[in-house]
Amino acid sequence: MKEPYYIAIEGNIGAGKTTLATLLARALDARVILEQFADNPFLNEFYSNPERWAFTVEMAFMAERYQQLHDLLIEIDLFQPVFVSDYHPFKSKLFASVNLSEKEYFLYEHFFDMLFKKIRKPDLLIFLSAETNTLLKNIQQRGRWFEKKIEPEYLEKLSEAYKNFLKTHSTATLILKRESFDFLKNPEHLNLLVNIVEQKKIQGLMTATDPDELRAFLG
């Protein structure tokens, strides 16, 4: 039986991953997989004392993501042959590379590789690229209590880690300039993306800095 088509939405904190994943899944009549970040009991401690709690919070996130993807991606749903997730499995490793010491990361990577070696990679990655000011504005607007202490420097470190990840990523990838798209308030932007996904127009690494460039992919 054919495996479901797996789409992952990625981007820095505040890029709009969950919003886009939810909207895209609804438009495609797909199953949505959303990260349960609020369930991590160590998140508040991490933002208060990152050095003390980084390893603990990253291990908790890794365990949660593994369990979620393992349970959902092995299910075959004939009526929903597409999955849309608001994170890529590699997110765990990426955040750990920023938050952990060298020794901690060495141990973390060992556990990650053991767990995730059998987890499917996405068929398509949609990456929301956003400026730090945009991220900070979105973080402030949504008002999650555990994000109040996030500093611009931390977001910039994550952005750099994502750039390095995208350089070596082999899955079909679409990079969208976040400031040029409003998928929530502009139905045309969402419809464009839906058409791109349905027609499987993304090959290799492709970038759209505005809706016109995205429209051009349709030919």
Protein backbone atom coordinates (compact mmCIF):
# COMPACT_ATOMS: atom_id res chain seq x y z
CA MET A 1 0.00 0.00 0.00
CA LYS A 2 1.31 3.45 -0.95
CA GLU A 3 2.67 5.59 1.86
CA PRO A 4 1.01 8.97 2.45
CA TYR A 5 2.59 12.09 0.95
CA TYR A 6 4.40 13.84 3.78
CA ILE A 7 4.75 17.65 3.88
CA ALA A 8 6.71 19.43 6.61
CA ILE A 9 6.48 23.15 7.34
CA GLU A 10 9.57 24.66 8.95
CA GLY A 11 10.98 28.00 10.01
CA ASN A 12 12.25 29.86 13.03
CA ILE A 13 10.21 30.55 16.17
CA GLY A 14 7.37 32.89 15.19
CA ALA A 15 7.57 32.24 11.44
CA GLY A 16 3.98 30.98 11.24
CA LYS A 17 4.54 27.24 10.86
CA THR A 18 1.48 26.05 12.77
CA THR A 19 -0.84 28.51 11.04
CA LEU A 20 0.31 27.46 7.58
CA ALA A 21 0.30 23.74 8.41
CA THR A 22 -3.29 23.99 9.67
CA LEU A 23 -4.49 26.01 6.65
CA LEU A 24 -2.69 23.81 4.13
CA ALA A 25 -3.96 20.59 5.70
CA ARG A 26 -7.52 21.91 5.61
CA ALA A 27 -7.21 22.95 1.96
CA LEU A 28 -5.71 19.59 0.96
CA ASP A 29 -8.08 17.57 3.14
CA ALA A 30 -4.95 16.22 4.78
CA ARG A 31 -4.12 15.01 8.25
CA VAL A 32 -2.27 17.61 10.30
CA ILE A 33 0.51 16.84 12.79
CA LEU A 34 1.15 19.72 15.20
CA GLU A 35 3.98 19.93 17.68
CA GLN A 36 2.79 19.74 21.29
CA PHE A 37 5.31 22.26 22.61
CA ALA A 38 3.12 23.36 25.53
CA ASP A 39 3.29 19.82 26.92
CA ASN A 40 7.02 20.14 27.61
CA PRO A 41 7.20 20.63 31.40
CA PHE A 42 10.73 22.04 31.24
CA LEU A 43 10.13 24.87 28.77
CA ASN A 44 9.69 27.65 31.31
CA GLU A 45 12.78 26.52 33.22
CA PHE A 46 14.78 26.47 29.98
CA TYR A 47 13.99 30.07 29.08
CA SER A 48 14.74 31.12 32.67
CA ASN A 49 18.03 29.19 32.88
CA PRO A 50 19.06 27.82 29.45
CA GLU A 51 22.43 26.44 30.50
CA ARG A 52 20.91 24.38 33.32
CA TRP A 53 17.85 23.05 31.47
CA ALA A 54 18.87 22.87 27.79
CA PHE A 55 19.67 19.15 27.70
CA THR A 56 16.53 18.23 29.63
CA VAL A 57 14.20 20.31 27.48
CA GLU A 58 15.74 19.05 24.23
CA MET A 59 15.48 15.41 25.32
CA ALA A 60 11.83 15.95 26.22
CA PHE A 61 11.12 17.53 22.83
CA MET A 62 12.92 14.73 21.00
CA ALA A 63 10.94 12.04 22.83
CA GLU A 64 7.64 13.80 22.13
CA ARG A 65 8.39 14.35 18.43
CA TYR A 66 9.57 10.79 17.95
CA GLN A 67 6.47 9.32 19.57
CA GLN A 68 4.17 11.58 17.58
CA LEU A 69 5.76 10.90 14.20
CA HIS A 70 6.22 7.19 14.87
CA ASP A 71 2.56 6.74 15.77
CA LEU A 72 1.08 8.87 12.99
CA LEU A 73 3.33 8.14 10.04
CA ILE A 74 2.90 4.38 10.29
CA GLU A 75 -0.85 4.74 9.93
CA ILE A 76 -2.22 4.44 6.40
CA ASP A 77 -5.42 6.42 5.90
CA LEU A 78 -7.03 5.81 2.51
CA PHE A 79 -9.23 8.87 2.95
CA GLN A 80 -6.38 11.21 3.93
CA PRO A 81 -3.35 10.24 1.79
CA VAL A 82 -1.46 13.42 2.76
CA PHE A 83 0.15 14.42 6.08
CA VAL A 84 1.11 18.01 6.90
CA SER A 85 3.36 18.64 9.90
CA ASP A 86 4.46 21.94 11.45
CA TYR A 87 7.98 20.62 12.01
CA HIS A 88 10.68 18.54 10.30
CA PRO A 89 12.17 15.59 12.23
CA PHE A 90 15.59 17.25 12.00
CA LYS A 91 14.29 20.17 14.09
CA SER A 92 15.31 18.33 17.26
CA LYS A 93 18.91 18.07 16.13
CA LEU A 94 19.01 21.65 14.88
CA PHE A 95 17.80 23.20 18.13
CA ALA A 96 20.09 20.93 20.12
CA SER A 97 23.09 22.12 18.10
CA VAL A 98 22.32 25.69 19.19
CA ASN A 99 21.31 25.04 22.80
CA LEU A 100 23.67 22.31 24.01
CA SER A 101 27.33 22.19 24.91
CA GLU A 102 29.63 20.12 22.71
CA LYS A 103 29.62 17.16 25.12
CA GLU A 104 25.85 17.32 25.59
CA TYR A 105 25.28 17.47 21.84
CA PHE A 106 27.50 14.44 21.26
CA LEU A 107 25.30 12.38 23.61
CA TYR A 108 22.08 13.89 22.27
CA GLU A 109 23.05 13.13 18.67
CA HIS A 110 23.67 9.50 19.61
CA PHE A 111 20.11 9.12 20.94
CA PHE A 112 18.63 11.06 18.02
CA ASP A 113 20.30 8.87 15.41
CA MET A 114 19.11 5.70 17.15
CA LEU A 115 15.50 6.87 17.38
CA PHE A 116 14.99 8.67 14.10
CA LYS A 117 16.82 6.36 11.70
CA LYS A 118 13.52 4.62 10.87
CA ILE A 119 11.35 7.74 10.86
CA ARG A 120 10.31 8.81 7.36
CA LYS A 121 11.74 11.99 5.92
CA PRO A 122 9.24 14.47 4.42
CA ASP A 123 8.54 14.31 0.70
CA LEU A 124 8.31 18.11 0.62
CA LEU A 125 9.71 20.77 2.94
CA ILE A 126 8.17 24.26 2.93
CA PHE A 127 10.45 26.67 4.75
CA LEU A 128 9.23 30.07 5.96
CA SER A 129 12.18 32.45 5.91
CA ALA A 130 11.63 35.51 8.11
CA GLU A 131 13.62 38.47 9.37
CA THR A 132 14.33 38.69 13.09
CA ASN A 133 12.08 41.74 13.49
CA THR A 134 9.20 39.82 11.92
CA LEU A 135 9.76 36.89 14.27
CA LEU A 136 9.86 39.12 17.35
CA LYS A 137 6.68 40.91 16.28
CA ASN A 138 4.83 37.62 15.76
CA ILE A 139 6.10 36.23 19.07
CA GLN A 140 4.87 39.31 20.88
CA GLN A 141 1.48 39.25 19.17
CA ARG A 142 0.69 35.64 19.98
CA GLY A 143 1.68 36.15 23.61
CA ARG A 144 2.88 32.70 24.65
CA TRP A 145 4.09 33.11 28.22
CA PHE A 146 7.13 30.86 27.80
CA GLU A 147 8.41 32.90 24.82
CA LYS A 148 8.55 36.28 26.58
CA LYS A 149 12.25 35.94 27.37
CA ILE A 150 13.40 35.11 23.82
CA GLU A 151 16.18 37.47 22.71
CA PRO A 152 16.95 38.57 19.11
CA GLU A 153 20.41 37.00 19.35
CA TYR A 154 18.87 33.58 20.03
CA LEU A 155 16.61 33.85 16.97
CA GLU A 156 19.59 34.85 14.84
CA LYS A 157 21.54 31.79 15.99
CA LEU A 158 18.60 29.59 15.03
CA SER A 159 18.28 31.31 11.64
CA GLU A 160 21.93 30.60 10.93
CA ALA A 161 21.47 26.95 11.93
CA TYR A 162 18.49 26.67 9.58
CA LYS A 163 20.53 28.17 6.71
CA ASN A 164 23.22 25.56 7.22
CA PHE A 165 20.60 22.81 7.34
CA LEU A 166 19.02 23.95 4.06
CA LYS A 167 22.41 23.88 2.31
CA THR A 168 22.68 20.12 2.85
CA HIS A 169 18.99 19.18 2.73
CA SER A 170 18.19 16.83 -0.17
CA THR A 171 14.37 16.68 -0.02
CA ALA A 172 12.31 18.82 -2.40
CA THR A 173 12.28 22.21 -0.67
CA LEU A 174 10.35 25.43 -1.21
CA ILE A 175 11.65 28.52 0.60
CA LEU A 176 9.12 31.34 0.99
CA LYS A 177 9.92 34.87 2.12
CA ARG A 178 7.53 35.19 5.04
CA GLU A 179 7.10 38.96 4.76
CA SER A 180 5.66 38.62 1.23
CA PHE A 181 2.93 36.12 2.07
CA ASP A 182 -0.16 36.22 4.28
CA PHE A 183 -1.73 32.79 4.07
CA LEU A 184 -4.26 33.56 6.78
CA LYS A 185 -5.72 36.78 5.36
CA ASN A 186 -5.04 36.37 1.63
CA PRO A 187 -6.78 33.30 0.13
CA GLU A 188 -4.95 33.79 -3.17
CA HIS A 189 -1.61 33.15 -1.50
CA LEU A 190 -2.88 29.92 0.02
CA ASN A 191 -4.50 28.81 -3.25
CA LEU A 192 -1.22 29.36 -5.08
CA LEU A 193 0.62 27.17 -2.61
CA VAL A 194 -2.07 24.49 -2.74
CA ASN A 195 -1.78 24.33 -6.54
CA ILE A 196 2.00 24.08 -6.31
CA VAL A 197 1.73 21.21 -3.83
CA GLU A 198 -1.02 19.34 -5.67
CA GLN A 199 0.85 19.51 -8.97
CA LYS A 200 4.13 18.58 -7.25
CA LYS A 201 6.00 21.41 -8.95
CA ILE A 202 8.83 21.63 -6.43
CA GLN A 203 12.00 19.87 -7.55
CA GLY A 204 15.20 20.30 -5.60
CA LEU A 205 15.59 23.65 -3.82
CA MET A 206 13.32 26.47 -5.03
CA THR A 207 12.75 29.94 -3.59
CA ALA A 208 9.86 32.39 -3.95
CA THR A 209 10.34 35.89 -2.56
CA ASP A 210 6.84 37.02 -3.58
CA PRO A 211 3.54 35.60 -4.96
CA ASP A 212 4.54 36.34 -8.56
CA GLU A 213 7.58 34.10 -8.29
CA LEU A 214 5.45 31.38 -6.74
CA ARG A 215 2.89 31.78 -9.53
CA ALA A 216 5.64 31.36 -12.13
CA PHE A 217 6.29 27.82 -10.88
CA LEU A 218 2.89 26.83 -12.24
CA GLY A 219 4.04 27.63 -15.77
